[in-house]
Amino acid sequence: MPIFRLSKNLDFPPAWLARSDGLLCIGGDLSPQRLLLAYKNGIFPWFSKDEPFLWWSPDPRLILLPKNIKISKSLNKKIKKNIYSVTIDTAFEQTIGSCAKPRKKEHAGTWLVDEMIDSYTTLHTLGYAHSIETWRENKLVGGLYGVCLGKTFFGESMFSFESDASKIALVALSNHLNNQNFDLIDCQVTTNHLLSMGAIEISRNSFLDIILESVKKKEGINTWNPNTNLQIN
């Protein structure tokens, strides 16, 4: 399959035309309008410093149904200690900045260039991008962020400064979105970490069929209320 080059026009080639590795197109910009259009069409940006903007739509696609979150015995034991609290949208910039910090082991979706940080921060101010934060003793120790459209949460990146802190954020998010009748959490690409927590692979075509209707649904009025303390268990 060829790699498409985007023009200034606000459009994308169909996601099913992506290469076998998921790469669909190159170029364009990171404007809010283009980013939202990308997510609605099952496409997301991912590139490194000094690379052009790259747009992806992998097959298979990793998703997590909120009701199917799995909590290991060790994680459940940690949760029951009640030493963590989880919040929504109280520290978005701190969360995305933490996600961008270098990792000991790099993997897809964990490194963010400045242009990406600026663009998702803009999406946050517009009410589309959201963060889930894990705290211990008033210190941010883990979290995640992503983009919400309709009843789908498109997860982008996670971080942990303490063991399992990002897992706790994901558990809280899953419980919250299950209560809000969300259809799915998009996890983008497969990792053993997410598979162990209940994520599953589906075909790209199945994913596109689901989000076609899911993104049209209305969010609950208080879905992303910063005053909400999320339940971990």
Protein backbone atom coordinates (compact mmCIF):
# COMPACT_ATOMS: atom_id res chain seq x y z
CA MET A 1 0.00 0.00 0.00
CA PRO A 2 1.28 3.53 -0.74
CA ILE A 3 1.72 6.17 1.97
CA PHE A 4 -0.59 9.10 1.28
CA ARG A 5 0.60 12.68 1.66
CA LEU A 6 -1.89 15.06 3.20
CA SER A 7 -2.53 18.49 1.70
CA LYS A 8 -3.90 21.58 3.41
CA ASN A 9 -7.39 20.23 2.78
CA LEU A 10 -9.08 18.91 5.89
CA ASP A 11 -9.46 15.27 4.91
CA PHE A 12 -7.91 11.80 5.28
CA PRO A 13 -7.77 8.76 3.02
CA PRO A 14 -9.92 5.84 4.23
CA ALA A 15 -8.33 4.09 7.20
CA TRP A 16 -8.55 0.67 5.55
CA LEU A 17 -5.93 1.81 3.02
CA ALA A 18 -3.22 1.82 5.71
CA ARG A 19 -0.11 -0.30 5.25
CA SER A 20 0.27 -3.62 7.06
CA ASP A 21 2.13 -1.83 9.87
CA GLY A 22 -0.76 0.62 10.29
CA LEU A 23 0.87 3.68 8.70
CA LEU A 24 -1.69 5.51 6.55
CA CYS A 25 -0.43 8.97 5.65
CA ILE A 26 2.10 11.70 6.24
CA GLY A 27 1.97 15.47 6.62
CA GLY A 28 -0.92 17.78 7.38
CA ASP A 29 -1.09 19.57 10.71
CA LEU A 30 -2.18 19.08 14.31
CA SER A 31 -5.04 21.53 14.34
CA PRO A 32 -7.99 20.64 16.59
CA GLN A 33 -10.19 20.16 13.53
CA ARG A 34 -7.80 17.68 11.92
CA LEU A 35 -7.19 15.77 15.14
CA LEU A 36 -10.91 15.36 15.82
CA LEU A 37 -11.51 14.28 12.23
CA ALA A 38 -8.72 11.73 12.56
CA TYR A 39 -10.18 10.15 15.70
CA LYS A 40 -13.66 10.01 14.19
CA ASN A 41 -12.15 7.99 11.34
CA GLY A 42 -10.08 5.60 13.44
CA ILE A 43 -6.78 7.41 12.81
CA PHE A 44 -4.26 8.85 15.27
CA PRO A 45 -0.92 10.72 15.05
CA TRP A 46 2.32 9.19 16.30
CA PHE A 47 5.78 10.35 15.37
CA SER A 48 9.14 11.17 16.91
CA LYS A 49 11.22 14.31 17.07
CA ASP A 50 12.54 15.45 13.68
CA GLU A 51 10.03 13.23 11.86
CA PRO A 52 7.12 14.52 9.77
CA PHE A 53 3.60 14.10 11.09
CA LEU A 54 2.68 10.42 10.73
CA TRP A 55 -0.88 9.11 10.91
CA TRP A 56 -1.79 5.52 11.82
CA SER A 57 -4.69 3.09 11.81
CA PRO A 58 -3.43 -0.33 12.92
CA ASP A 59 -5.06 -3.69 12.24
CA PRO A 60 -5.85 -5.32 14.60
CA ARG A 61 -6.93 -2.57 16.99
CA LEU A 62 -6.66 -2.98 20.76
CA ILE A 63 -9.73 -1.93 22.73
CA LEU A 64 -10.98 -2.24 26.29
CA LEU A 65 -14.65 -2.60 27.08
CA PRO A 66 -15.05 -0.66 30.36
CA LYS A 67 -17.07 -3.44 32.01
CA ASN A 68 -14.32 -5.97 31.28
CA ILE A 69 -11.47 -4.33 33.19
CA LYS A 70 -9.37 -6.97 34.99
CA ILE A 71 -7.78 -6.31 38.35
CA SER A 72 -5.01 -8.66 39.45
CA LYS A 73 -4.82 -9.89 43.04
CA SER A 74 -1.74 -7.79 43.71
CA LEU A 75 -3.34 -4.66 42.27
CA ASN A 76 -6.56 -5.27 44.18
CA LYS A 77 -4.56 -5.62 47.38
CA LYS A 78 -2.89 -2.29 46.72
CA ILE A 79 -6.21 -0.61 45.95
CA LYS A 80 -7.74 -1.86 49.20
CA LYS A 81 -5.07 -0.05 51.20
CA ASN A 82 -6.95 3.18 50.37
CA ILE A 83 -3.79 5.24 50.01
CA TYR A 84 -4.62 6.50 46.50
CA SER A 85 -7.21 8.90 45.17
CA VAL A 86 -8.13 9.45 41.52
CA THR A 87 -9.39 12.66 39.92
CA ILE A 88 -10.54 13.96 36.53
CA ASP A 89 -9.05 16.95 34.70
CA THR A 90 -7.43 18.52 37.74
CA ALA A 91 -3.87 18.40 36.36
CA PHE A 92 -4.03 17.91 32.59
CA GLU A 93 -0.83 19.77 31.71
CA GLN A 94 1.08 18.04 34.48
CA THR A 95 -0.25 14.67 33.33
CA ILE A 96 0.59 15.07 29.65
CA GLY A 97 3.99 16.48 30.59
CA SER A 98 4.64 13.43 32.73
CA CYS A 99 3.60 11.13 29.89
CA ALA A 100 6.22 12.81 27.70
CA LYS A 101 9.12 12.14 30.04
CA PRO A 102 11.72 9.57 28.89
CA ARG A 103 11.07 5.95 29.87
CA LYS A 104 13.47 3.19 30.73
CA LYS A 105 11.75 1.11 28.08
CA GLU A 106 10.11 2.98 25.23
CA HIS A 107 6.91 1.61 23.71
CA ALA A 108 4.23 2.93 21.37
CA GLY A 109 2.26 5.93 22.51
CA THR A 110 4.41 6.99 25.46
CA TRP A 111 6.62 9.75 24.00
CA LEU A 112 5.25 13.14 23.03
CA VAL A 113 6.92 15.91 21.08
CA ASP A 114 6.21 19.55 21.90
CA GLU A 115 3.78 19.98 18.99
CA MET A 116 1.70 17.08 20.29
CA ILE A 117 1.62 18.47 23.82
CA ASP A 118 0.49 21.86 22.57
CA SER A 119 -2.22 20.36 20.36
CA TYR A 120 -3.71 18.09 23.02
CA THR A 121 -3.60 20.89 25.56
CA THR A 122 -5.67 22.94 23.11
CA LEU A 123 -8.09 20.03 22.76
CA HIS A 124 -8.34 19.98 26.54
CA THR A 125 -9.28 23.65 26.69
CA LEU A 126 -11.94 22.91 24.05
CA GLY A 127 -13.39 20.11 26.17
CA TYR A 128 -12.27 17.10 24.12
CA ALA A 129 -9.06 15.90 25.79
CA HIS A 130 -9.14 14.70 29.39
CA SER A 131 -6.79 13.43 32.06
CA ILE A 132 -7.18 10.92 34.87
CA GLU A 133 -4.80 11.49 37.77
CA THR A 134 -3.65 9.15 40.53
CA TRP A 135 -2.55 10.82 43.76
CA ARG A 136 -0.87 9.67 46.94
CA GLU A 137 -0.43 12.14 49.80
CA ASN A 138 -1.32 15.02 47.45
CA LYS A 139 1.44 14.00 45.04
CA LEU A 140 0.76 13.07 41.41
CA VAL A 141 2.14 9.55 41.01
CA GLY A 142 0.44 8.30 37.84
CA GLY A 143 -2.22 8.94 35.28
CA LEU A 144 -3.32 8.91 31.68
CA TYR A 145 -4.91 11.15 29.09
CA GLY A 146 -6.93 10.79 25.92
CA VAL A 147 -9.64 12.22 23.70
CA CYS A 148 -13.37 11.70 24.20
CA LEU A 149 -15.86 11.75 21.34
CA GLY A 150 -19.39 10.61 22.01
CA LYS A 151 -19.21 7.35 23.94
CA THR A 152 -15.64 6.41 23.00
CA PHE A 153 -12.53 7.35 24.93
CA PHE A 154 -9.45 7.32 22.71
CA GLY A 155 -6.58 6.61 25.09
CA GLU A 156 -3.27 8.25 24.21
CA SER A 157 -0.66 7.73 26.90
CA MET A 158 -0.09 6.66 30.51
CA PHE A 159 2.63 7.22 33.09
CA SER A 160 3.64 5.92 36.51
CA PHE A 161 6.05 7.39 38.99
CA GLU A 162 5.11 4.58 41.38
CA SER A 163 4.39 0.95 40.57
CA ASP A 164 0.80 0.38 39.38
CA ALA A 165 -0.20 4.06 39.58
CA SER A 166 -1.24 4.17 35.91
CA LYS A 167 -3.13 0.89 36.32
CA ILE A 168 -5.11 2.45 39.15
CA ALA A 169 -5.99 5.37 36.87
CA LEU A 170 -7.16 2.95 34.17
CA VAL A 171 -9.28 0.98 36.64
CA ALA A 172 -10.93 4.18 37.87
CA LEU A 173 -11.52 5.39 34.32
CA SER A 174 -13.05 2.06 33.29
CA ASN A 175 -15.40 2.02 36.26
CA HIS A 176 -16.41 5.62 35.58
CA LEU A 177 -17.02 5.08 31.86
CA ASN A 178 -18.94 1.87 32.53
CA ASN A 179 -21.27 3.85 34.79
CA GLN A 180 -21.62 6.39 31.96
CA ASN A 181 -22.53 3.65 29.44
CA PHE A 182 -19.47 4.18 27.25
CA ASP A 183 -18.90 1.75 24.41
CA LEU A 184 -15.15 1.35 24.60
CA ILE A 185 -11.70 2.65 25.43
CA ASP A 186 -9.42 2.71 22.39
CA CYS A 187 -5.98 1.41 23.37
CA GLN A 188 -4.56 1.72 19.84
CA VAL A 189 -1.79 -0.89 19.71
CA THR A 190 -1.34 -4.17 21.54
CA THR A 191 0.77 -4.45 24.70
CA ASN A 192 0.95 -7.30 27.20
CA HIS A 193 0.32 -4.75 29.94
CA LEU A 194 -3.10 -3.83 28.52
CA LEU A 195 -3.99 -7.39 27.53
CA SER A 196 -3.47 -8.41 31.15
CA MET A 197 -6.03 -5.79 32.19
CA GLY A 198 -8.76 -7.08 29.90
CA ALA A 199 -8.08 -5.37 26.58
CA ILE A 200 -8.82 -7.37 23.42
CA GLU A 201 -7.87 -7.17 19.77
CA ILE A 202 -10.52 -6.60 17.12
CA SER A 203 -10.20 -6.04 13.40
CA ARG A 204 -9.82 -2.51 12.11
CA ASN A 205 -13.07 -2.84 10.18
CA SER A 206 -14.93 -3.85 13.34
CA PHE A 207 -13.40 -0.92 15.20
CA LEU A 208 -14.41 1.51 12.46
CA ASP A 209 -17.97 0.16 12.47
CA ILE A 210 -18.26 0.65 16.24
CA ILE A 211 -16.89 4.17 16.43
CA LEU A 212 -18.92 5.31 13.42
CA GLU A 213 -21.99 5.24 15.66
CA SER A 214 -20.32 5.65 19.05
CA VAL A 215 -18.83 9.08 18.35
CA LYS A 216 -22.28 10.41 17.43
CA LYS A 217 -23.72 9.67 20.86
CA LYS A 218 -23.99 12.34 23.55
CA GLU A 219 -21.76 12.38 26.61
CA GLY A 220 -23.32 12.73 30.02
CA ILE A 221 -23.36 16.31 31.27
CA ASN A 222 -21.11 15.50 34.23
CA THR A 223 -18.90 12.86 32.61
CA TRP A 224 -15.79 15.03 32.97
CA ASN A 225 -16.66 17.03 36.06
CA PRO A 226 -13.36 17.87 37.85
CA ASN A 227 -15.17 17.75 41.18
CA THR A 228 -15.77 14.02 40.74
CA ASN A 229 -13.65 11.68 42.88
CA LEU A 230 -13.45 8.46 40.92
CA GLN A 231 -14.11 5.10 42.55
CA ILE A 232 -11.20 2.71 42.21
CA ASN A 233 -13.12 -0.44 43.15
